[in-house]
Amino acid sequence: MKFYPIGETVIVEIEEHRKKYKYTSWTIGITNDNKRRKEEHKNDGKSLGFWKDWKANSEQIARNVEKYFLEKGMKGGGGGGDNPTFVYVF
């Protein structure tokens, strides 16, 4: 397993949030506007009952956290817009 020293707190909180379900059951993403992004996913018909988001201290931290969980098997992909500092899962 690769270690991402930046963003450890968010990683620990996501691990706690998703612990009852497999990584492949989750989607992870990053954005610069968490409310807008949640609404977009809702409008796409996604189930958001387990939605949770976190504000990272920087874009790099958000990208590190996203990469960590993508490598674990969560759905999602690159992107995030300009200066994404929110990490979200559902």
C-alpha atoms as a PDB file:
ATOM      1  CA  MET A   1       0.000   0.000   0.000  1.00  0.00           C
ATOM      2  CA  LYS A   2       1.267   3.453  -0.847  1.00  0.00           C
ATOM      3  CA  PHE A   3       1.408   5.957   1.974  1.00  0.00           C
ATOM      4  CA  TYR A   4       0.101   9.481   1.423  1.00  0.00           C
ATOM      5  CA  PRO A   5       1.412  11.616   4.284  1.00  0.00           C
ATOM      6  CA  ILE A   6      -0.686  14.606   3.273  1.00  0.00           C
ATOM      7  CA  GLY A   7      -4.400  14.277   3.973  1.00  0.00           C
ATOM      8  CA  GLU A   8      -4.193  11.563   6.621  1.00  0.00           C
ATOM      9  CA  THR A   9      -7.067  12.983   8.669  1.00  0.00           C
ATOM     10  CA  VAL A  10      -9.455  12.952   5.715  1.00  0.00           C
ATOM     11  CA  ILE A  11      -8.342   9.433   4.785  1.00  0.00           C
ATOM     12  CA  VAL A  12      -9.030   8.193   8.331  1.00  0.00           C
ATOM     13  CA  GLU A  13     -12.469   9.823   8.362  1.00  0.00           C
ATOM     14  CA  ILE A  14     -13.411   8.353   4.976  1.00  0.00           C
ATOM     15  CA  GLU A  15     -12.229   4.912   6.094  1.00  0.00           C
ATOM     16  CA  GLU A  16     -14.479   5.192   9.156  1.00  0.00           C
ATOM     17  CA  HIS A  17     -17.443   6.416   7.079  1.00  0.00           C
ATOM     18  CA  ARG A  18     -17.248   3.576   4.545  1.00  0.00           C
ATOM     19  CA  LYS A  19     -16.053   0.713   6.760  1.00  0.00           C
ATOM     20  CA  LYS A  20     -19.214  -1.415   6.434  1.00  0.00           C
ATOM     21  CA  TYR A  21     -19.071  -1.439   2.625  1.00  0.00           C
ATOM     22  CA  LYS A  22     -16.514  -2.450   0.012  1.00  0.00           C
ATOM     23  CA  TYR A  23     -14.442   0.250  -1.650  1.00  0.00           C
ATOM     24  CA  THR A  24     -16.048  -0.643  -4.982  1.00  0.00           C
ATOM     25  CA  SER A  25     -19.455   0.372  -3.572  1.00  0.00           C
ATOM     26  CA  TRP A  26     -18.315   3.983  -3.208  1.00  0.00           C
ATOM     27  CA  THR A  27     -17.645   6.923  -5.484  1.00  0.00           C
ATOM     28  CA  ILE A  28     -15.019   9.519  -4.600  1.00  0.00           C
ATOM     29  CA  GLY A  29     -14.494  12.892  -6.169  1.00  0.00           C
ATOM     30  CA  ILE A  30     -13.009  16.317  -5.671  1.00  0.00           C
ATOM     31  CA  THR A  31     -14.513  19.686  -6.476  1.00  0.00           C
ATOM     32  CA  ASN A  32     -14.209  23.381  -5.839  1.00  0.00           C
ATOM     33  CA  ASP A  33     -17.924  23.628  -4.964  1.00  0.00           C
ATOM     34  CA  ASN A  34     -19.314  20.771  -2.871  1.00  0.00           C
ATOM     35  CA  LYS A  35     -22.941  21.965  -2.899  1.00  0.00           C
ATOM     36  CA  ARG A  36     -23.020  22.366  -6.681  1.00  0.00           C
ATOM     37  CA  ARG A  37     -21.374  18.979  -7.220  1.00  0.00           C
ATOM     38  CA  LYS A  38     -23.796  17.219  -4.890  1.00  0.00           C
ATOM     39  CA  GLU A  39     -26.722  18.758  -6.758  1.00  0.00           C
ATOM     40  CA  GLU A  40     -25.236  17.638 -10.093  1.00  0.00           C
ATOM     41  CA  HIS A  41     -24.920  14.054  -8.857  1.00  0.00           C
ATOM     42  CA  LYS A  42     -28.499  14.218  -7.538  1.00  0.00           C
ATOM     43  CA  ASN A  43     -29.744  15.480 -10.902  1.00  0.00           C
ATOM     44  CA  ASP A  44     -27.965  12.521 -12.545  1.00  0.00           C
ATOM     45  CA  GLY A  45     -30.129  10.200 -10.441  1.00  0.00           C
ATOM     46  CA  LYS A  46     -27.383   9.037  -8.097  1.00  0.00           C
ATOM     47  CA  SER A  47     -28.288   7.859  -4.593  1.00  0.00           C
ATOM     48  CA  LEU A  48     -26.699  10.278  -2.131  1.00  0.00           C
ATOM     49  CA  GLY A  49     -27.888   8.860   1.197  1.00  0.00           C
ATOM     50  CA  PHE A  50     -24.287   8.274   2.287  1.00  0.00           C
ATOM     51  CA  TRP A  51     -22.880  11.550   0.874  1.00  0.00           C
ATOM     52  CA  LYS A  52     -20.209  13.167   2.991  1.00  0.00           C
ATOM     53  CA  ASP A  53     -17.645  15.817   2.109  1.00  0.00           C
ATOM     54  CA  TRP A  54     -14.553  17.339   3.641  1.00  0.00           C
ATOM     55  CA  LYS A  55     -12.650  20.582   3.046  1.00  0.00           C
ATOM     56  CA  ALA A  56      -8.970  19.867   2.404  1.00  0.00           C
ATOM     57  CA  ASN A  57      -6.294  22.428   3.165  1.00  0.00           C
ATOM     58  CA  SER A  58      -5.106  22.467  -0.444  1.00  0.00           C
ATOM     59  CA  GLU A  59      -5.753  21.124  -3.908  1.00  0.00           C
ATOM     60  CA  GLN A  60      -2.785  18.771  -3.561  1.00  0.00           C
ATOM     61  CA  ILE A  61      -4.220  17.235  -0.401  1.00  0.00           C
ATOM     62  CA  ALA A  62      -7.594  16.721  -2.116  1.00  0.00           C
ATOM     63  CA  ARG A  63      -5.887  15.066  -5.087  1.00  0.00           C
ATOM     64  CA  ASN A  64      -3.774  12.835  -2.811  1.00  0.00           C
ATOM     65  CA  VAL A  65      -6.840  11.642  -0.915  1.00  0.00           C
ATOM     66  CA  GLU A  66      -8.760  10.983  -4.133  1.00  0.00           C
ATOM     67  CA  LYS A  67      -5.837   9.032  -5.606  1.00  0.00           C
ATOM     68  CA  TYR A  68      -5.485   6.941  -2.436  1.00  0.00           C
ATOM     69  CA  PHE A  69      -9.110   5.778  -2.616  1.00  0.00           C
ATOM     70  CA  LEU A  70      -9.175   5.318  -6.392  1.00  0.00           C
ATOM     71  CA  GLU A  71      -6.256   2.922  -5.938  1.00  0.00           C
ATOM     72  CA  LYS A  72      -8.325   1.090  -3.282  1.00  0.00           C
ATOM     73  CA  GLY A  73     -11.088   0.547  -5.843  1.00  0.00           C
ATOM     74  CA  MET A  74     -13.538   3.413  -5.374  1.00  0.00           C
ATOM     75  CA  LYS A  75     -15.292   4.666  -8.483  1.00  0.00           C
ATOM     76  CA  GLY A  76     -14.418   8.111  -9.792  1.00  0.00           C
ATOM     77  CA  GLY A  77     -11.762   9.681 -11.911  1.00  0.00           C
ATOM     78  CA  GLY A  78      -9.573  12.643 -12.569  1.00  0.00           C
ATOM     79  CA  GLY A  79     -10.915  16.103 -12.856  1.00  0.00           C
ATOM     80  CA  GLY A  80     -12.287  18.274 -10.123  1.00  0.00           C
ATOM     81  CA  GLY A  81     -12.283  21.620 -11.892  1.00  0.00           C
ATOM     82  CA  ASP A  82     -10.107  24.564 -10.952  1.00  0.00           C
ATOM     83  CA  ASN A  83      -8.586  24.468  -7.460  1.00  0.00           C
ATOM     84  CA  PRO A  84     -10.656  21.580  -6.040  1.00  0.00           C
ATOM     85  CA  THR A  85     -10.309  21.559  -2.265  1.00  0.00           C
ATOM     86  CA  PHE A  86     -13.388  19.526  -1.327  1.00  0.00           C
ATOM     87  CA  VAL A  87     -13.245  15.722  -1.209  1.00  0.00           C
ATOM     88  CA  TYR A  88     -16.561  13.860  -1.284  1.00  0.00           C
ATOM     89  CA  VAL A  89     -17.748  10.279  -1.164  1.00  0.00           C
ATOM     90  CA  PHE A  90     -21.099   8.597  -1.645  1.00  0.00           C
END
